[in-house]
Structure formats: C-alpha cells, structure tokens
Amino acid sequence: MGVNKDMDLFETVRDQLGCEYISDMRSCRALLNDAKKVVASLDLEAYTARELADMAEYLYGKKMYGADKEVIISFLKQAL
C-alpha cells in the first residue's frame, strides 16, 4: 500500500479504512483489528518515531516513546 506524504500516519490509516474520523478506528473491535492490519502493511519507514509511538499507544496501549524507530516498527509489524 502506498503512502501519501501529505497525510500523517493516523490520517493514512483512517483513509485506508474508509473512516470519517480517526476515533472511528477504535469504535469496534473489528475496525481496531483492521487498523492494526493496515498499520502492519504500510511502509512505516516513511513516518517519524513519534508518529509510530503515538500509533503504538493508540492501537495497543503500549508506550514506546524514546524507543528506537526500528524497535517501534518491529512491534507494529509483529503485534498482530
């Protein structure tokens, strides 16, 4: 899946899911699971460590602030 450089990670995932609002991603378990799959399928190198840490906390409740970008990417790719 391609990355739109004009959107941040949350907007990209929301767009891929067809949600109107970012908060919709956590509105039900099915959408949350789909959001996790979308994140795992993206080229996460295109995003900052901060965006990735924000997504890890939003989707999984895991605080990864200050972790190496590669560690966060590995978590997001394998956490499913």
N, C-alpha and C. Protein backbone atom coordinates (compact mmCIF):
# COMPACT_ATOMS: atom_id res chain seq x y z
N MET A 1 0.83 -1.17 0.00
CA MET A 1 0.00 0.00 0.00
C MET A 1 0.88 1.24 0.00
N GLY A 2 0.50 2.20 -0.76
CA GLY A 2 1.29 3.41 -0.88
C GLY A 2 1.09 4.34 0.30
N VAL A 3 2.01 5.24 0.43
CA VAL A 3 1.96 6.23 1.50
C VAL A 3 1.74 7.59 0.87
N ASN A 4 0.76 8.30 1.34
CA ASN A 4 0.51 9.67 0.89
C ASN A 4 1.31 10.58 1.81
N LYS A 5 2.34 11.20 1.27
CA LYS A 5 3.25 12.03 2.08
C LYS A 5 2.56 13.25 2.69
N ASP A 6 1.37 13.60 2.18
CA ASP A 6 0.65 14.75 2.70
C ASP A 6 -0.17 14.40 3.93
N MET A 7 -0.29 13.12 4.28
CA MET A 7 -1.09 12.71 5.42
C MET A 7 -0.18 12.11 6.49
N ASP A 8 -0.56 12.35 7.76
CA ASP A 8 0.20 11.69 8.81
C ASP A 8 -0.29 10.24 8.92
N LEU A 9 0.34 9.49 9.77
CA LEU A 9 0.05 8.06 9.89
C LEU A 9 -1.41 7.81 10.26
N PHE A 10 -1.94 8.57 11.20
CA PHE A 10 -3.33 8.38 11.61
C PHE A 10 -4.29 8.66 10.46
N GLU A 11 -4.03 9.72 9.71
CA GLU A 11 -4.89 10.06 8.57
C GLU A 11 -4.80 8.98 7.49
N THR A 12 -3.61 8.45 7.26
CA THR A 12 -3.42 7.40 6.27
C THR A 12 -4.22 6.16 6.63
N VAL A 13 -4.15 5.75 7.90
CA VAL A 13 -4.89 4.56 8.35
C VAL A 13 -6.38 4.82 8.27
N ARG A 14 -6.82 5.99 8.72
CA ARG A 14 -8.25 6.34 8.64
C ARG A 14 -8.73 6.28 7.19
N ASP A 15 -7.94 6.82 6.28
CA ASP A 15 -8.29 6.81 4.86
C ASP A 15 -8.36 5.39 4.31
N GLN A 16 -7.40 4.55 4.67
CA GLN A 16 -7.38 3.15 4.20
C GLN A 16 -8.60 2.38 4.69
N LEU A 17 -9.06 2.70 5.89
CA LEU A 17 -10.22 2.02 6.47
C LEU A 17 -11.55 2.59 5.97
N GLY A 18 -11.50 3.79 5.40
CA GLY A 18 -12.72 4.44 4.95
C GLY A 18 -13.51 5.06 6.08
N CYS A 19 -12.83 5.38 7.18
CA CYS A 19 -13.49 6.01 8.33
C CYS A 19 -13.59 7.51 8.12
N GLU A 20 -14.62 8.09 8.71
CA GLU A 20 -14.76 9.54 8.64
C GLU A 20 -13.84 10.23 9.65
N TYR A 21 -13.71 9.63 10.83
CA TYR A 21 -12.91 10.22 11.89
C TYR A 21 -11.86 9.23 12.38
N ILE A 22 -10.74 9.76 12.85
CA ILE A 22 -9.69 8.90 13.39
C ILE A 22 -10.23 8.08 14.56
N SER A 23 -11.07 8.68 15.39
CA SER A 23 -11.61 7.97 16.55
C SER A 23 -12.46 6.77 16.16
N ASP A 24 -12.94 6.72 14.92
CA ASP A 24 -13.71 5.57 14.45
C ASP A 24 -12.88 4.29 14.46
N MET A 25 -11.57 4.42 14.36
CA MET A 25 -10.69 3.25 14.31
C MET A 25 -10.81 2.40 15.56
N ARG A 26 -11.20 3.00 16.68
CA ARG A 26 -11.32 2.24 17.93
C ARG A 26 -12.77 2.04 18.33
N SER A 27 -13.70 2.33 17.41
CA SER A 27 -15.12 2.27 17.77
C SER A 27 -15.65 0.85 17.92
N CYS A 28 -15.00 -0.10 17.29
CA CYS A 28 -15.39 -1.50 17.47
C CYS A 28 -14.18 -2.39 17.26
N ARG A 29 -14.23 -3.58 17.80
CA ARG A 29 -13.08 -4.50 17.75
C ARG A 29 -12.68 -4.82 16.31
N ALA A 30 -13.65 -4.99 15.42
CA ALA A 30 -13.34 -5.32 14.03
C ALA A 30 -12.54 -4.21 13.36
N LEU A 31 -12.95 -2.96 13.57
CA LEU A 31 -12.20 -1.84 12.98
C LEU A 31 -10.83 -1.69 13.61
N LEU A 32 -10.74 -1.92 14.90
CA LEU A 32 -9.46 -1.85 15.57
C LEU A 32 -8.50 -2.89 15.01
N ASN A 33 -8.98 -4.11 14.82
CA ASN A 33 -8.16 -5.16 14.23
C ASN A 33 -7.77 -4.81 12.80
N ASP A 34 -8.70 -4.25 12.03
CA ASP A 34 -8.39 -3.82 10.66
C ASP A 34 -7.34 -2.71 10.67
N ALA A 35 -7.44 -1.79 11.61
CA ALA A 35 -6.47 -0.70 11.72
C ALA A 35 -5.08 -1.26 12.00
N LYS A 36 -4.99 -2.26 12.87
CA LYS A 36 -3.71 -2.90 13.17
C LYS A 36 -3.13 -3.56 11.93
N LYS A 37 -3.98 -4.20 11.14
CA LYS A 37 -3.52 -4.84 9.90
C LYS A 37 -3.04 -3.81 8.88
N VAL A 38 -3.76 -2.71 8.76
CA VAL A 38 -3.36 -1.65 7.84
C VAL A 38 -2.00 -1.10 8.25
N VAL A 39 -1.82 -0.81 9.53
CA VAL A 39 -0.54 -0.28 10.01
C VAL A 39 0.59 -1.26 9.68
N ALA A 40 0.36 -2.54 9.94
CA ALA A 40 1.39 -3.55 9.68
C ALA A 40 1.74 -3.65 8.19
N SER A 41 0.82 -3.28 7.32
CA SER A 41 1.05 -3.41 5.88
C SER A 41 1.73 -2.18 5.27
N LEU A 42 1.81 -1.09 6.01
CA LEU A 42 2.37 0.15 5.47
C LEU A 42 3.89 0.16 5.51
N ASP A 43 4.48 1.04 4.70
CA ASP A 43 5.92 1.31 4.76
C ASP A 43 6.14 2.27 5.92
N LEU A 44 6.40 1.74 7.08
CA LEU A 44 6.47 2.55 8.29
C LEU A 44 7.74 3.39 8.36
N GLU A 45 8.72 3.08 7.54
CA GLU A 45 9.94 3.89 7.49
C GLU A 45 9.63 5.34 7.09
N ALA A 46 8.51 5.54 6.41
CA ALA A 46 8.14 6.87 5.92
C ALA A 46 7.65 7.79 7.04
N TYR A 47 7.49 7.27 8.25
CA TYR A 47 6.94 8.04 9.35
C TYR A 47 7.98 8.27 10.44
N THR A 48 7.75 9.28 11.25
CA THR A 48 8.69 9.58 12.33
C THR A 48 8.49 8.60 13.49
N ALA A 49 9.52 8.50 14.32
CA ALA A 49 9.43 7.64 15.50
C ALA A 49 8.29 8.12 16.40
N ARG A 50 8.06 9.41 16.48
CA ARG A 50 6.98 9.95 17.32
C ARG A 50 5.62 9.49 16.80
N GLU A 51 5.41 9.58 15.46
CA GLU A 51 4.13 9.12 14.89
C GLU A 51 3.92 7.64 15.16
N LEU A 52 4.98 6.87 15.02
CA LEU A 52 4.88 5.42 15.23
C LEU A 52 4.59 5.11 16.70
N ALA A 53 5.24 5.83 17.61
CA ALA A 53 4.99 5.63 19.04
C ALA A 53 3.56 6.03 19.39
N ASP A 54 3.08 7.12 18.79
CA ASP A 54 1.69 7.53 19.01
C ASP A 54 0.72 6.43 18.57
N MET A 55 1.01 5.82 17.42
CA MET A 55 0.13 4.76 16.90
C MET A 55 0.20 3.52 17.78
N ALA A 56 1.38 3.17 18.26
CA ALA A 56 1.51 2.01 19.15
C ALA A 56 0.68 2.21 20.42
N GLU A 57 0.71 3.43 20.94
CA GLU A 57 -0.09 3.69 22.14
C GLU A 57 -1.58 3.70 21.81
N TYR A 58 -1.95 4.28 20.69
CA TYR A 58 -3.37 4.39 20.31
C TYR A 58 -3.99 3.02 20.05
N LEU A 59 -3.28 2.17 19.32
CA LEU A 59 -3.85 0.86 18.94
C LEU A 59 -3.65 -0.21 20.00
N TYR A 60 -2.53 -0.16 20.72
CA TYR A 60 -2.18 -1.26 21.62
C TYR A 60 -2.05 -0.85 23.08
N GLY A 61 -2.07 0.46 23.36
CA GLY A 61 -1.88 0.92 24.72
C GLY A 61 -0.44 0.78 25.19
N LYS A 62 0.48 0.60 24.25
CA LYS A 62 1.89 0.39 24.58
C LYS A 62 2.66 1.70 24.41
N LYS A 63 3.28 2.15 25.47
CA LYS A 63 4.07 3.38 25.42
C LYS A 63 5.47 3.03 24.92
N MET A 64 5.83 3.62 23.79
CA MET A 64 7.13 3.34 23.18
C MET A 64 7.93 4.61 22.92
N TYR A 65 7.55 5.68 23.58
CA TYR A 65 8.25 6.95 23.39
C TYR A 65 9.69 6.81 23.84
N GLY A 66 10.62 7.27 23.02
CA GLY A 66 12.03 7.16 23.32
C GLY A 66 12.68 5.90 22.79
N ALA A 67 11.87 4.95 22.31
CA ALA A 67 12.42 3.72 21.74
C ALA A 67 12.97 4.02 20.34
N ASP A 68 13.91 3.21 19.90
CA ASP A 68 14.43 3.35 18.54
C ASP A 68 13.31 3.12 17.54
N LYS A 69 13.35 3.85 16.45
CA LYS A 69 12.34 3.74 15.41
C LYS A 69 12.18 2.29 14.94
N GLU A 70 13.30 1.59 14.77
CA GLU A 70 13.25 0.20 14.29
C GLU A 70 12.53 -0.71 15.28
N VAL A 71 12.68 -0.45 16.56
CA VAL A 71 12.01 -1.24 17.59
C VAL A 71 10.50 -1.03 17.50
N ILE A 72 10.09 0.20 17.30
CA ILE A 72 8.66 0.51 17.20
C ILE A 72 8.08 -0.12 15.93
N ILE A 73 8.80 -0.01 14.83
CA ILE A 73 8.34 -0.61 13.58
C ILE A 73 8.19 -2.11 13.75
N SER A 74 9.18 -2.74 14.35
CA SER A 74 9.12 -4.19 14.57
C SER A 74 7.89 -4.55 15.41
N PHE A 75 7.62 -3.78 16.46
CA PHE A 75 6.44 -4.03 17.29
C PHE A 75 5.17 -3.92 16.47
N LEU A 76 5.03 -2.84 15.70
CA LEU A 76 3.81 -2.61 14.93
C LEU A 76 3.60 -3.66 13.84
N LYS A 77 4.68 -4.18 13.30
CA LYS A 77 4.59 -5.20 12.26
C LYS A 77 4.24 -6.57 12.84
N GLN A 78 4.65 -6.82 14.07
CA GLN A 78 4.51 -8.17 14.64
C GLN A 78 3.46 -8.29 15.74
N ALA A 79 2.89 -7.18 16.17
CA ALA A 79 1.99 -7.20 17.33
C ALA A 79 0.65 -7.88 17.05
N LEU A 80 0.31 -8.07 15.79
CA LEU A 80 -0.98 -8.71 15.48
C LEU A 80 -1.05 -10.06 16.13
